[in-house]
Protein backbone atom coordinates (compact mmCIF):
# COMPACT_ATOMS: atom_id res chain seq x y z
CA MET A 1 -51.42 -3.82 -91.46
CA LYS A 2 -49.14 -1.16 -92.55
CA VAL A 3 -46.24 0.25 -90.19
CA SER A 4 -44.76 3.63 -90.39
CA PRO A 5 -41.28 4.20 -91.27
CA LEU A 6 -41.07 5.79 -87.80
CA THR A 7 -42.28 3.09 -86.14
CA ARG A 8 -39.69 0.35 -87.84
CA TYR A 9 -36.91 2.49 -86.95
CA ALA A 10 -38.20 2.83 -83.36
CA LEU A 11 -38.49 -1.18 -82.90
CA ARG A 12 -35.33 -1.70 -84.63
CA THR A 13 -33.32 0.52 -82.48
CA ILE A 14 -34.87 -0.66 -79.39
CA ALA A 15 -34.14 -4.48 -80.56
CA LEU A 16 -30.40 -3.36 -81.31
CA VAL A 17 -29.98 -1.66 -77.90
CA TYR A 18 -31.56 -4.65 -76.08
CA LEU A 19 -28.91 -6.81 -77.65
CA PHE A 20 -26.11 -4.53 -77.15
CA VAL A 21 -26.83 -4.10 -73.24
CA LEU A 22 -27.34 -7.78 -72.56
CA LEU A 23 -25.21 -9.80 -75.24
CA VAL A 24 -22.20 -7.08 -76.38
CA VAL A 25 -21.20 -5.24 -73.48
CA PRO A 26 -21.09 -8.27 -71.13
CA VAL A 27 -18.52 -10.16 -73.84
CA ALA A 28 -16.52 -7.21 -74.43
CA LEU A 29 -16.12 -6.43 -71.09
CA ILE A 30 -14.84 -10.12 -70.35
CA PHE A 31 -12.34 -9.48 -73.41
CA TRP A 32 -11.05 -6.33 -72.09
CA ARG A 33 -10.55 -7.51 -68.96
CA SER A 34 -9.01 -10.65 -69.93
CA PHE A 35 -6.08 -8.99 -72.01
CA GLU A 36 -5.92 -5.92 -69.42
CA HIS A 37 -2.41 -6.99 -68.52
CA GLY A 38 -1.53 -8.17 -71.74
CA PHE A 39 -1.61 -11.23 -74.22
CA GLY A 40 1.37 -12.84 -71.93
CA GLN A 41 -0.40 -12.51 -68.84
CA PHE A 42 -3.53 -14.00 -70.75
CA TRP A 43 -1.46 -16.93 -72.27
CA GLU A 44 -0.20 -17.66 -68.46
CA TRP A 45 -3.61 -18.06 -67.02
CA ILE A 46 -5.07 -20.35 -70.08
CA THR A 47 -1.73 -22.47 -70.10
CA THR A 48 -1.90 -23.57 -66.19
CA PRO A 49 -1.87 -27.25 -66.05
CA ALA A 50 -5.40 -26.86 -64.34
CA ALA A 51 -6.89 -24.53 -67.69
CA ILE A 52 -5.37 -27.40 -69.83
CA SER A 53 -6.55 -30.16 -68.19
CA ALA A 54 -10.12 -28.49 -67.74
CA LEU A 55 -10.39 -27.91 -71.54
CA GLN A 56 -9.07 -31.26 -72.40
CA LEU A 57 -11.66 -32.55 -70.13
CA SER A 58 -14.47 -30.38 -71.84
CA LEU A 59 -13.58 -31.11 -75.35
CA LEU A 60 -13.48 -35.00 -74.29
CA ILE A 61 -17.17 -34.72 -73.25
CA VAL A 62 -18.55 -33.22 -76.42
CA ALA A 63 -16.27 -35.92 -78.25
CA ILE A 64 -18.51 -38.15 -76.53
CA VAL A 65 -21.98 -36.46 -75.96
CA VAL A 66 -22.40 -35.26 -79.59
CA PRO A 67 -22.29 -38.50 -81.40
CA LEU A 68 -24.46 -39.93 -78.82
CA ASN A 69 -26.96 -37.31 -79.18
CA ILE A 70 -26.84 -37.51 -83.15
CA VAL A 71 -27.70 -41.50 -83.13
CA PHE A 72 -30.18 -41.53 -80.30
CA GLY A 73 -31.55 -37.98 -81.32
CA VAL A 74 -32.24 -38.86 -84.89
CA ALA A 75 -33.80 -42.21 -83.84
CA THR A 76 -36.37 -40.82 -81.28
CA ALA A 77 -37.31 -38.16 -84.03
CA LEU A 78 -37.73 -41.12 -86.41
CA ALA A 79 -39.99 -43.04 -83.91
CA LEU A 80 -41.91 -40.02 -83.00
CA THR A 81 -42.60 -39.08 -86.88
CA ARG A 82 -43.00 -42.61 -88.42
CA GLY A 83 -43.93 -44.54 -85.80
CA SER A 84 -47.17 -45.32 -83.78
CA PHE A 85 -47.07 -47.15 -80.59
CA PRO A 86 -48.30 -46.83 -77.21
CA GLY A 87 -46.70 -44.42 -75.21
CA LYS A 88 -45.60 -42.20 -77.92
CA GLY A 89 -47.45 -38.69 -76.23
CA LEU A 90 -45.27 -39.78 -72.73
CA LEU A 91 -42.10 -39.79 -75.17
CA GLN A 92 -42.80 -36.58 -76.42
CA SER A 93 -43.30 -35.47 -72.80
CA VAL A 94 -39.89 -37.12 -71.81
CA VAL A 95 -37.81 -35.51 -74.22
CA ASP A 96 -38.80 -32.07 -73.25
CA LEU A 97 -38.27 -32.92 -69.56
CA PRO A 98 -34.77 -31.31 -69.61
CA PHE A 99 -36.15 -28.14 -70.60
CA ALA A 100 -38.47 -28.17 -67.70
CA VAL A 101 -36.26 -29.37 -64.81
CA SER A 102 -33.62 -27.42 -63.44
CA PRO A 103 -29.89 -28.83 -64.17
CA VAL A 104 -29.23 -28.56 -60.45
CA VAL A 105 -32.23 -31.18 -59.80
CA ALA A 106 -30.99 -33.44 -62.81
CA GLY A 107 -27.90 -33.53 -60.56
CA VAL A 108 -29.49 -34.58 -57.62
CA ALA A 109 -31.46 -37.13 -59.22
CA LEU A 110 -28.06 -38.62 -60.68
CA ILE A 111 -26.91 -38.43 -57.27
CA LEU A 112 -29.65 -40.58 -56.02
CA LEU A 113 -29.14 -43.18 -59.09
CA TRP A 114 -25.58 -43.61 -59.14
CA GLY A 115 -24.33 -42.19 -55.48
CA HIS A 116 -23.33 -44.39 -52.83
CA GLY A 117 -26.82 -46.09 -51.33
CA GLY A 118 -28.65 -45.27 -54.97
CA TRP A 119 -30.48 -47.74 -57.06
CA PHE A 120 -27.38 -48.29 -58.90
CA GLY A 121 -24.51 -47.14 -56.53
CA GLY A 122 -23.26 -50.62 -56.54
CA VAL A 123 -21.33 -50.13 -59.45
CA GLU A 124 -18.72 -48.35 -57.06
CA SER A 125 -17.92 -51.94 -55.67
CA LEU A 126 -16.95 -52.97 -58.97
CA GLY A 127 -14.23 -49.98 -59.02
CA PHE A 128 -16.72 -47.88 -61.38
CA LYS A 129 -16.81 -44.59 -60.01
CA VAL A 130 -20.05 -42.61 -61.62
CA ILE A 131 -20.53 -39.85 -59.28
CA PHE A 132 -17.68 -37.32 -58.68
CA GLY A 133 -16.07 -38.82 -61.74
CA PHE A 134 -15.86 -38.22 -65.31
CA PRO A 135 -18.81 -40.83 -66.34
CA GLY A 136 -20.93 -38.73 -63.81
CA LEU A 137 -20.18 -35.30 -65.97
CA VAL A 138 -20.87 -37.46 -69.29
CA LEU A 139 -24.49 -38.38 -67.40
CA ALA A 140 -24.94 -34.91 -66.26
CA THR A 141 -24.40 -33.44 -70.14
CA LEU A 142 -26.24 -35.91 -71.96
CA PHE A 143 -29.66 -35.41 -69.85
CA VAL A 144 -29.42 -31.34 -70.64
CA THR A 145 -28.35 -31.74 -74.19
CA LEU A 146 -30.82 -34.78 -74.84
CA PRO A 147 -33.75 -32.76 -76.41
CA PHE A 148 -31.81 -30.51 -78.83
CA VAL A 149 -31.04 -32.73 -81.48
CA VAL A 150 -34.54 -34.33 -81.57
CA ARG A 151 -36.41 -31.24 -81.34
CA GLU A 152 -34.46 -29.73 -84.51
CA VAL A 153 -34.83 -32.69 -86.89
CA GLU A 154 -38.78 -33.61 -85.92
CA PRO A 155 -40.07 -30.91 -87.58
CA VAL A 156 -38.08 -31.22 -90.69
CA LEU A 157 -38.97 -34.87 -90.99
CA ARG A 158 -42.90 -33.70 -90.78
CA GLU A 159 -42.26 -31.07 -93.22
CA ILE A 160 -40.46 -33.60 -95.60
CA GLY A 161 -43.30 -36.29 -95.25
CA THR A 162 -42.94 -39.80 -96.31
CA GLU A 163 -43.35 -39.74 -100.24
CA GLN A 164 -39.89 -39.98 -101.42
CA GLU A 165 -38.89 -42.69 -98.68
CA GLN A 166 -41.63 -44.83 -99.60
CA ALA A 167 -40.74 -44.42 -103.49
CA ALA A 168 -37.43 -45.42 -102.48
CA ALA A 169 -38.63 -48.33 -100.97
CA THR A 170 -41.01 -49.75 -103.88
CA LEU A 171 -37.86 -49.10 -106.11
CA GLY A 172 -36.18 -51.93 -103.82
CA ALA A 173 -33.92 -49.74 -101.68
CA ASN A 174 -33.87 -51.05 -98.03
CA GLY A 175 -33.94 -49.03 -94.91
CA TRP A 176 -30.49 -48.08 -94.55
CA GLN A 177 -29.86 -46.71 -98.24
CA THR A 178 -33.37 -45.14 -97.82
CA PHE A 179 -32.16 -43.39 -94.80
CA SER A 180 -28.50 -42.50 -95.90
CA ARG A 181 -30.00 -41.15 -99.37
CA ILE A 182 -33.17 -39.89 -98.84
CA THR A 183 -33.74 -39.10 -95.31
CA LEU A 184 -30.34 -38.02 -94.09
CA PRO A 185 -29.83 -35.46 -96.92
CA ALA A 186 -33.27 -33.87 -96.10
CA ILE A 187 -32.51 -33.18 -92.55
CA ARG A 188 -28.90 -32.20 -92.27
CA TRP A 189 -29.82 -28.53 -91.85
CA GLY A 190 -31.80 -29.57 -88.69
CA LEU A 191 -29.14 -32.19 -87.48
CA THR A 192 -26.66 -29.30 -87.92
CA TYR A 193 -28.38 -26.77 -86.10
CA GLY A 194 -28.76 -29.37 -83.34
CA VAL A 195 -25.38 -30.31 -82.86
CA VAL A 196 -24.30 -26.76 -82.84
CA LEU A 197 -26.88 -26.37 -80.28
CA THR A 198 -25.87 -29.69 -78.42
CA ILE A 199 -22.18 -28.25 -78.53
CA ALA A 200 -22.68 -25.12 -76.90
CA ARG A 201 -24.60 -26.74 -74.19
CA SER A 202 -22.22 -29.23 -73.69
CA LEU A 203 -19.22 -26.21 -73.49
CA GLY A 204 -21.20 -23.95 -71.07
CA GLU A 205 -23.18 -26.58 -68.72
CA TYR A 206 -22.33 -25.59 -65.19
CA GLY A 207 -25.60 -26.46 -63.11
CA ALA A 208 -25.90 -30.30 -63.36
CA VAL A 209 -21.97 -30.79 -63.68
CA THR A 210 -21.23 -29.01 -60.36
CA MET A 211 -23.52 -31.48 -58.60
CA VAL A 212 -21.55 -34.58 -59.65
CA SER A 213 -18.30 -33.55 -59.94
CA SER A 214 -15.63 -33.50 -57.17
CA ASN A 215 -14.07 -30.44 -58.78
CA TYR A 216 -10.57 -31.44 -58.59
CA PRO A 217 -8.28 -30.39 -61.31
CA GLY A 218 -7.22 -33.13 -63.73
CA ILE A 219 -10.18 -35.41 -62.63
CA SER A 220 -13.66 -33.49 -62.79
CA GLN A 221 -13.13 -30.19 -63.38
CA THR A 222 -14.14 -28.64 -66.73
CA LEU A 223 -13.83 -24.88 -68.06
CA THR A 224 -17.15 -23.91 -66.43
CA LEU A 225 -16.02 -25.38 -63.05
CA LEU A 226 -12.51 -23.87 -63.36
CA VAL A 227 -14.06 -20.24 -64.16
CA HIS A 228 -16.50 -20.82 -61.02
CA SER A 229 -13.11 -22.14 -58.77
CA ARG A 230 -11.25 -19.10 -59.79
CA TYR A 231 -13.57 -16.35 -59.03
CA THR A 232 -14.99 -17.58 -55.82
CA ASP A 233 -12.51 -19.83 -54.35
CA ASP A 234 -9.07 -18.77 -55.36
CA TYR A 235 -10.23 -15.09 -55.71
CA ASN A 236 -8.22 -15.06 -59.30
CA GLU A 237 -10.47 -12.59 -61.04
CA PHE A 238 -8.23 -11.82 -64.10
CA GLY A 239 -7.72 -15.68 -64.23
CA ALA A 240 -11.25 -16.51 -64.27
CA TYR A 241 -11.93 -13.90 -67.03
CA ALA A 242 -9.33 -15.58 -69.19
CA ALA A 243 -10.88 -19.24 -68.66
CA ALA A 244 -13.99 -17.70 -69.68
CA THR A 245 -12.50 -15.99 -72.62
CA LEU A 246 -10.56 -19.55 -73.28
CA LEU A 247 -14.18 -20.88 -73.15
CA MET A 248 -15.52 -18.18 -75.91
CA LEU A 249 -12.72 -18.97 -78.15
CA VAL A 250 -13.35 -22.48 -77.98
CA ALA A 251 -17.26 -22.04 -78.96
CA ILE A 252 -16.37 -20.17 -81.48
CA LEU A 253 -13.71 -22.42 -83.43
CA VAL A 254 -16.53 -24.86 -83.18
CA LEU A 255 -18.93 -22.80 -84.87
CA VAL A 256 -16.45 -21.73 -87.51
CA ALA A 257 -15.52 -25.69 -88.10
CA MET A 258 -19.14 -26.70 -88.28
CA THR A 259 -19.79 -23.60 -90.69
CA VAL A 260 -16.84 -25.19 -93.02
CA VAL A 261 -17.92 -28.23 -92.79
CA GLU A 262 -21.66 -27.85 -93.64
CA ARG A 263 -20.63 -25.99 -96.48
CA ARG A 264 -18.31 -28.76 -98.06
CA VAL A 265 -21.27 -31.33 -97.23
CA GLN A 266 -23.53 -28.92 -99.25
CA GLY A 267 -21.41 -28.75 -102.04
CA ARG A 268 -21.18 -32.69 -101.94
CA TYR A 269 -24.60 -33.24 -102.07
CA ALA A 270 -25.29 -30.66 -104.95
CA GLY A 271 -22.50 -31.88 -107.17
CA ALA A 272 -24.33 -35.36 -106.53
CA SER A 273 -27.55 -34.15 -107.60
CA GLU A 274 -26.51 -32.57 -110.71
CA GLU A 275 -24.50 -35.51 -111.86
CA ALA A 276 -27.82 -37.99 -110.69
CA LEU A 277 -30.03 -35.90 -113.16
CA ALA A 278 -27.29 -35.36 -116.22
CA VAL A 279 -28.27 -37.50 -119.44
CA PRO A 280 -25.15 -39.50 -120.51
CA ASP A 281 -23.66 -38.69 -123.88
CA GLY A 282 -21.85 -40.68 -126.59
CA PRO A 283 -21.98 -44.25 -127.59
CA ALA A 284 -22.64 -45.03 -123.57
CA SER A 285 -26.41 -43.87 -124.19
CA THR A 286 -27.69 -46.80 -125.72
CA ASP A 287 -31.35 -46.73 -124.28
CA PRO A 288 -33.49 -45.07 -127.06
CA ARG A 289 -35.62 -43.49 -124.14
CA LEU A 290 -32.52 -41.99 -122.81
CA ALA A 291 -31.95 -40.53 -126.52
CA GLN A 292 -35.56 -39.52 -126.65
CA GLN A 293 -35.21 -37.80 -123.39
CA LYS A 294 -32.38 -35.63 -125.01
CA GLU A 295 -33.99 -34.76 -127.62
CA GLY A 296 -36.82 -33.87 -126.23
CA VAL A 297 -39.22 -36.35 -128.00
């Protein structure tokens, strides 16, 4: 179907205006209100003890949730694409459950499981407080971020197939060697995107964590809860804007860091591939087959 230039320009204009109104304008407004009273006032709002503890708590949750999601997400994706077992369809549905269930409902479910009188509420008698403590925040964040790594890695695994893995196994490679040298380099793009989505959701999650958090500064108050608390409880509008801006800046820094790391990893894999394909020269090439390959015989 041939589209006229006027129609293409109209569609582009509509898309740009849509993104500008829904994305650029709100973000720019938050930045403007955050720095309306100068950088000094902004710095004062983001360096309060409550803001520093909320930032540290949010980053600690990310540091715990991301590795767990990588390990179990990749393992689940491998099981769904490479395995055949009873209940595989049920597992597919369970993985997508956080997409369908409201985060608030997830928080309520965690309270019923780990709260006082819940199925596992007895752990509180051992001095291990889950609900309204840090473990509850980690569990809530794990629930809402569960599908990202799985759903980004699974289609990549289906696309690459199993031919290279079977060839490596035929040549004598064990399971870990096959995974680290064949599978992992092939899925690194999907895995990276899944990690980025996990970090973004972990930093910005509100619905589930607000149900399992006591919202006490320094104990279980994340950056998102700090923004809500300043805006609705303390009536500190500009302080809420400053905390929201800090949250956005942290997310941007994480994305930049992930991009830099990914480029270095990509360059390392490219160098390793070139080295593996290179035919050695000089006296070390004692195998006549290598000499024939080099001379084009």
